[in-house]
Structure formats: C-alpha cells, structure tokens
Amino acid sequence: MPGAGRAEVIFIAAMMVLILIVCVVAVYAFFKTYKKEMREKEKRKAEKLAAANMPAVEDEPQ
C-alpha cells in the first residue's frame, strides 16, 4: 500500500502532540491546585496565629 509509511509517521506524530497537550493540561491543573492549597494553608496558619495571640476574655458578672 503506497503511502503507508508516511501515514504511520503522521499518526505517531499526532499521538505525540496529543500526549503533550494532555501533559500540559495536567501540569497546569496540578499547579493551580497546588497554589490554591498553599494559599489555604497560609490562611489557616495566620488564623491559628491570630487566635493564639488574642487575649482570653473572662466573663465578669455585672
């Protein structure tokens, strides 16, 4: 069958491009999630630190 070799090379190249696209999307999603988790971690840390620095308020009878 003439052109079979060329078609095979084109198919392999197309699959490689598809794999690269999937990898780029996966890495983008990973870093987006990672940054979100780090922001939430810093927020929890700041809230914990603020709660530890707040003086205890005692209930005084009036």
PDB file of N, CA and C in Angstrom:
ATOM      1  N   MET A   1       0.859  -1.175   0.000  1.00  0.00           N
ATOM      2  CA  MET A   1       0.000   0.000   0.000  1.00  0.00           C
ATOM      3  C   MET A   1       0.903   1.235   0.000  1.00  0.00           C
ATOM      4  N   PRO A   2       0.863   2.048  -1.043  1.00  0.00           N
ATOM      5  CA  PRO A   2       1.725   3.231  -1.107  1.00  0.00           C
ATOM      6  C   PRO A   2       1.288   4.292  -0.083  1.00  0.00           C
ATOM      7  N   GLY A   3       2.265   4.928   0.516  1.00  0.00           N
ATOM      8  CA  GLY A   3       1.980   5.994   1.476  1.00  0.00           C
ATOM      9  C   GLY A   3       1.703   5.490   2.877  1.00  0.00           C
ATOM     10  N   ALA A   4       1.798   4.186   3.119  1.00  0.00           N
ATOM     11  CA  ALA A   4       1.510   3.635   4.444  1.00  0.00           C
ATOM     12  C   ALA A   4       2.558   4.105   5.464  1.00  0.00           C
ATOM     13  N   GLY A   5       3.792   4.169   5.042  1.00  0.00           N
ATOM     14  CA  GLY A   5       4.855   4.627   5.944  1.00  0.00           C
ATOM     15  C   GLY A   5       4.652   6.069   6.355  1.00  0.00           C
ATOM     16  N   ARG A   6       4.286   6.875   5.380  1.00  0.00           N
ATOM     17  CA  ARG A   6       4.042   8.300   5.661  1.00  0.00           C
ATOM     18  C   ARG A   6       2.842   8.462   6.593  1.00  0.00           C
ATOM     19  N   ALA A   7       1.788   7.712   6.366  1.00  0.00           N
ATOM     20  CA  ALA A   7       0.596   7.777   7.217  1.00  0.00           C
ATOM     21  C   ALA A   7       0.921   7.342   8.642  1.00  0.00           C
ATOM     22  N   GLU A   8       1.772   6.347   8.774  1.00  0.00           N
ATOM     23  CA  GLU A   8       2.153   5.870  10.102  1.00  0.00           C
ATOM     24  C   GLU A   8       2.943   6.933  10.854  1.00  0.00           C
ATOM     25  N   VAL A   9       3.858   7.598  10.166  1.00  0.00           N
ATOM     26  CA  VAL A   9       4.649   8.658  10.796  1.00  0.00           C
ATOM     27  C   VAL A   9       3.735   9.815  11.212  1.00  0.00           C
ATOM     28  N   ILE A  10       2.783  10.177  10.367  1.00  0.00           N
ATOM     29  CA  ILE A  10       1.846  11.250  10.705  1.00  0.00           C
ATOM     30  C   ILE A  10       1.003  10.862  11.912  1.00  0.00           C
ATOM     31  N   PHE A  11       0.551   9.606  11.952  1.00  0.00           N
ATOM     32  CA  PHE A  11      -0.247   9.126  13.082  1.00  0.00           C
ATOM     33  C   PHE A  11       0.567   9.191  14.377  1.00  0.00           C
ATOM     34  N   ILE A  12       1.806   8.732  14.332  1.00  0.00           N
ATOM     35  CA  ILE A  12       2.657   8.752  15.530  1.00  0.00           C
ATOM     36  C   ILE A  12       2.905  10.192  15.981  1.00  0.00           C
ATOM     37  N   ALA A  13       3.153  11.085  15.035  1.00  0.00           N
ATOM     38  CA  ALA A  13       3.373  12.493  15.380  1.00  0.00           C
ATOM     39  C   ALA A  13       2.122  13.099  16.004  1.00  0.00           C
ATOM     40  N   ALA A  14       0.963  12.761  15.450  1.00  0.00           N
ATOM     41  CA  ALA A  14      -0.292  13.283  16.011  1.00  0.00           C
ATOM     42  C   ALA A  14      -0.507  12.772  17.429  1.00  0.00           C
ATOM     43  N   MET A  15      -0.192  11.514  17.686  1.00  0.00           N
ATOM     44  CA  MET A  15      -0.333  10.961  19.035  1.00  0.00           C
ATOM     45  C   MET A  15       0.635  11.630  20.008  1.00  0.00           C
ATOM     46  N   MET A  16       1.835  11.928  19.547  1.00  0.00           N
ATOM     47  CA  MET A  16       2.803  12.621  20.405  1.00  0.00           C
ATOM     48  C   MET A  16       2.305  14.015  20.768  1.00  0.00           C
ATOM     49  N   VAL A  17       1.754  14.720  19.799  1.00  0.00           N
ATOM     50  CA  VAL A  17       1.205  16.050  20.060  1.00  0.00           C
ATOM     51  C   VAL A  17       0.047  15.948  21.045  1.00  0.00           C
ATOM     52  N   LEU A  18      -0.812  14.969  20.870  1.00  0.00           N
ATOM     53  CA  LEU A  18      -1.939  14.776  21.793  1.00  0.00           C
ATOM     54  C   LEU A  18      -1.438  14.490  23.203  1.00  0.00           C
ATOM     55  N   ILE A  19      -0.426  13.651  23.328  1.00  0.00           N
ATOM     56  CA  ILE A  19       0.146  13.351  24.640  1.00  0.00           C
ATOM     57  C   ILE A  19       0.731  14.603  25.275  1.00  0.00           C
ATOM     58  N   LEU A  20       1.417  15.417  24.500  1.00  0.00           N
ATOM     59  CA  LEU A  20       1.976  16.663  25.031  1.00  0.00           C
ATOM     60  C   LEU A  20       0.884  17.606  25.518  1.00  0.00           C
ATOM     61  N   ILE A  21      -0.205  17.703  24.772  1.00  0.00           N
ATOM     62  CA  ILE A  21      -1.317  18.567  25.177  1.00  0.00           C
ATOM     63  C   ILE A  21      -1.917  18.076  26.492  1.00  0.00           C
ATOM     64  N   VAL A  22      -2.128  16.776  26.607  1.00  0.00           N
ATOM     65  CA  VAL A  22      -2.682  16.211  27.841  1.00  0.00           C
ATOM     66  C   VAL A  22      -1.742  16.458  29.017  1.00  0.00           C
ATOM     67  N   CYS A  23      -0.450  16.311  28.803  1.00  0.00           N
ATOM     68  CA  CYS A  23       0.525  16.552  29.865  1.00  0.00           C
ATOM     69  C   CYS A  23       0.529  18.014  30.310  1.00  0.00           C
ATOM     70  N   VAL A  24       0.472  18.920  29.362  1.00  0.00           N
ATOM     71  CA  VAL A  24       0.457  20.348  29.698  1.00  0.00           C
ATOM     72  C   VAL A  24      -0.794  20.687  30.510  1.00  0.00           C
ATOM     73  N   VAL A  25      -1.938  20.163  30.114  1.00  0.00           N
ATOM     74  CA  VAL A  25      -3.177  20.416  30.851  1.00  0.00           C
ATOM     75  C   VAL A  25      -3.086  19.836  32.265  1.00  0.00           C
ATOM     76  N   ALA A  26      -2.527  18.634  32.396  1.00  0.00           N
ATOM     77  CA  ALA A  26      -2.397  18.011  33.712  1.00  0.00           C
ATOM     78  C   ALA A  26      -1.463  18.809  34.622  1.00  0.00           C
ATOM     79  N   VAL A  27      -0.343  19.274  34.085  1.00  0.00           N
ATOM     80  CA  VAL A  27       0.601  20.063  34.880  1.00  0.00           C
ATOM     81  C   VAL A  27      -0.033  21.394  35.283  1.00  0.00           C
ATOM     82  N   TYR A  28      -0.765  22.026  34.366  1.00  0.00           N
ATOM     83  CA  TYR A  28      -1.455  23.274  34.686  1.00  0.00           C
ATOM     84  C   TYR A  28      -2.453  23.064  35.825  1.00  0.00           C
ATOM     85  N   ALA A  29      -3.244  22.007  35.742  1.00  0.00           N
ATOM     86  CA  ALA A  29      -4.230  21.723  36.788  1.00  0.00           C
ATOM     87  C   ALA A  29      -3.546  21.434  38.121  1.00  0.00           C
ATOM     88  N   PHE A  30      -2.432  20.712  38.084  1.00  0.00           N
ATOM     89  CA  PHE A  30      -1.690  20.413  39.305  1.00  0.00           C
ATOM     90  C   PHE A  30      -1.197  21.687  39.974  1.00  0.00           C
ATOM     91  N   PHE A  31      -0.555  22.571  39.219  1.00  0.00           N
ATOM     92  CA  PHE A  31      -0.019  23.789  39.815  1.00  0.00           C
ATOM     93  C   PHE A  31      -1.126  24.729  40.293  1.00  0.00           C
ATOM     94  N   LYS A  32      -2.233  24.759  39.581  1.00  0.00           N
ATOM     95  CA  LYS A  32      -3.361  25.573  40.015  1.00  0.00           C
ATOM     96  C   LYS A  32      -3.881  25.079  41.368  1.00  0.00           C
ATOM     97  N   THR A  33      -4.022  23.776  41.498  1.00  0.00           N
ATOM     98  CA  THR A  33      -4.471  23.187  42.758  1.00  0.00           C
ATOM     99  C   THR A  33      -3.429  23.392  43.857  1.00  0.00           C
ATOM    100  N   TYR A  34      -2.168  23.237  43.516  1.00  0.00           N
ATOM    101  CA  TYR A  34      -1.089  23.409  44.490  1.00  0.00           C
ATOM    102  C   TYR A  34      -1.083  24.832  45.051  1.00  0.00           C
ATOM    103  N   LYS A  35      -1.194  25.813  44.176  1.00  0.00           N
ATOM    104  CA  LYS A  35      -1.199  27.199  44.637  1.00  0.00           C
ATOM    105  C   LYS A  35      -2.408  27.474  45.517  1.00  0.00           C
ATOM    106  N   LYS A  36      -3.558  26.921  45.156  1.00  0.00           N
ATOM    107  CA  LYS A  36      -4.770  27.093  45.966  1.00  0.00           C
ATOM    108  C   LYS A  36      -4.573  26.487  47.353  1.00  0.00           C
ATOM    109  N   GLU A  37      -4.006  25.298  47.416  1.00  0.00           N
ATOM    110  CA  GLU A  37      -3.760  24.635  48.695  1.00  0.00           C
ATOM    111  C   GLU A  37      -2.778  25.447  49.545  1.00  0.00           C
ATOM    112  N   MET A  38      -1.755  26.008  48.934  1.00  0.00           N
ATOM    113  CA  MET A  38      -0.774  26.799  49.688  1.00  0.00           C
ATOM    114  C   MET A  38      -1.410  28.078  50.239  1.00  0.00           C
ATOM    115  N   ARG A  39      -2.291  28.720  49.455  1.00  0.00           N
ATOM    116  CA  ARG A  39      -2.994  29.906  49.952  1.00  0.00           C
ATOM    117  C   ARG A  39      -3.868  29.541  51.150  1.00  0.00           C
ATOM    118  N   GLU A  40      -4.579  28.421  51.050  1.00  0.00           N
ATOM    119  CA  GLU A  40      -5.438  27.988  52.152  1.00  0.00           C
ATOM    120  C   GLU A  40      -4.613  27.631  53.383  1.00  0.00           C
ATOM    121  N   LYS A  41      -3.461  27.018  53.174  1.00  0.00           N
ATOM    122  CA  LYS A  41      -2.579  26.664  54.288  1.00  0.00           C
ATOM    123  C   LYS A  41      -2.087  27.920  54.999  1.00  0.00           C
ATOM    124  N   GLU A  42      -1.661  28.920  54.240  1.00  0.00           N
ATOM    125  CA  GLU A  42      -1.202  30.180  54.831  1.00  0.00           C
ATOM    126  C   GLU A  42      -2.343  30.873  55.584  1.00  0.00           C
ATOM    127  N   LYS A  43      -3.542  30.804  55.028  1.00  0.00           N
ATOM    128  CA  LYS A  43      -4.693  31.425  55.690  1.00  0.00           C
ATOM    129  C   LYS A  43      -4.977  30.734  57.025  1.00  0.00           C
ATOM    130  N   ARG A  44      -4.955  29.394  57.033  1.00  0.00           N
ATOM    131  CA  ARG A  44      -5.175  28.655  58.284  1.00  0.00           C
ATOM    132  C   ARG A  44      -4.082  28.967  59.299  1.00  0.00           C
ATOM    133  N   LYS A  45      -2.846  29.073  58.822  1.00  0.00           N
ATOM    134  CA  LYS A  45      -1.723  29.376  59.706  1.00  0.00           C
ATOM    135  C   LYS A  45      -1.884  30.766  60.324  1.00  0.00           C
ATOM    136  N   ALA A  46      -2.295  31.740  59.503  1.00  0.00           N
ATOM    137  CA  ALA A  46      -2.492  33.098  60.003  1.00  0.00           C
ATOM    138  C   ALA A  46      -3.641  33.142  61.005  1.00  0.00           C
ATOM    139  N   GLU A  47      -4.720  32.416  60.719  1.00  0.00           N
ATOM    140  CA  GLU A  47      -5.857  32.388  61.651  1.00  0.00           C
ATOM    141  C   GLU A  47      -5.456  31.736  62.971  1.00  0.00           C
ATOM    142  N   LYS A  48      -4.678  30.674  62.899  1.00  0.00           N
ATOM    143  CA  LYS A  48      -4.223  29.994  64.107  1.00  0.00           C
ATOM    144  C   LYS A  48      -3.320  30.911  64.928  1.00  0.00           C
ATOM    145  N   LEU A  49      -2.435  31.625  64.259  1.00  0.00           N
ATOM    146  CA  LEU A  49      -1.533  32.551  64.935  1.00  0.00           C
ATOM    147  C   LEU A  49      -2.320  33.696  65.568  1.00  0.00           C
ATOM    148  N   ALA A  50      -3.314  34.210  64.856  1.00  0.00           N
ATOM    149  CA  ALA A  50      -4.137  35.290  65.395  1.00  0.00           C
ATOM    150  C   ALA A  50      -4.930  34.807  66.606  1.00  0.00           C
ATOM    151  N   ALA A  51      -5.437  33.582  66.551  1.00  0.00           N
ATOM    152  CA  ALA A  51      -6.196  33.044  67.674  1.00  0.00           C
ATOM    153  C   ALA A  51      -5.294  32.836  68.889  1.00  0.00           C
ATOM    154  N   ALA A  52      -4.054  32.468  68.660  1.00  0.00           N
ATOM    155  CA  ALA A  52      -3.120  32.250  69.765  1.00  0.00           C
ATOM    156  C   ALA A  52      -2.702  33.570  70.403  1.00  0.00           C
ATOM    157  N   ASN A  53      -2.691  34.653  69.653  1.00  0.00           N
ATOM    158  CA  ASN A  53      -2.258  35.956  70.174  1.00  0.00           C
ATOM    159  C   ASN A  53      -3.386  36.742  70.807  1.00  0.00           C
ATOM    160  N   MET A  54      -4.634  36.297  70.643  1.00  0.00           N
ATOM    161  CA  MET A  54      -5.762  37.022  71.233  1.00  0.00           C
ATOM    162  C   MET A  54      -5.801  36.756  72.735  1.00  0.00           C
ATOM    163  N   PRO A  55      -5.956  37.818  73.543  1.00  0.00           N
ATOM    164  CA  PRO A  55      -6.037  37.596  74.992  1.00  0.00           C
ATOM    165  C   PRO A  55      -7.360  36.936  75.343  1.00  0.00           C
ATOM    166  N   ALA A  56      -7.315  36.134  76.385  1.00  0.00           N
ATOM    167  CA  ALA A  56      -8.525  35.441  76.831  1.00  0.00           C
ATOM    168  C   ALA A  56      -9.446  36.449  77.494  1.00  0.00           C
ATOM    169  N   VAL A  57     -10.688  36.443  77.133  1.00  0.00           N
ATOM    170  CA  VAL A  57     -11.682  37.362  77.711  1.00  0.00           C
ATOM    171  C   VAL A  57     -12.462  36.574  78.749  1.00  0.00           C
ATOM    172  N   GLU A  58     -12.434  37.095  79.988  1.00  0.00           N
ATOM    173  CA  GLU A  58     -13.133  36.413  81.074  1.00  0.00           C
ATOM    174  C   GLU A  58     -14.509  37.046  81.231  1.00  0.00           C
ATOM    175  N   ASP A  59     -15.479  36.221  81.503  1.00  0.00           N
ATOM    176  CA  ASP A  59     -16.832  36.728  81.762  1.00  0.00           C
ATOM    177  C   ASP A  59     -16.900  37.288  83.170  1.00  0.00           C
ATOM    178  N   GLU A  60     -17.238  38.562  83.245  1.00  0.00           N
ATOM    179  CA  GLU A  60     -17.352  39.202  84.564  1.00  0.00           C
ATOM    180  C   GLU A  60     -18.821  39.407  84.884  1.00  0.00           C
ATOM    181  N   PRO A  61     -19.261  39.028  86.050  1.00  0.00           N
ATOM    182  CA  PRO A  61     -20.667  39.250  86.420  1.00  0.00           C
ATOM    183  C   PRO A  61     -20.919  40.748  86.597  1.00  0.00           C
ATOM    184  N   GLN A  62     -22.077  41.181  86.177  1.00  0.00           N
ATOM    185  CA  GLN A  62     -22.395  42.621  86.296  1.00  0.00           C
ATOM    186  C   GLN A  62     -23.377  42.881  87.391  1.00  0.00           C
TER     187      GLN A  62
END
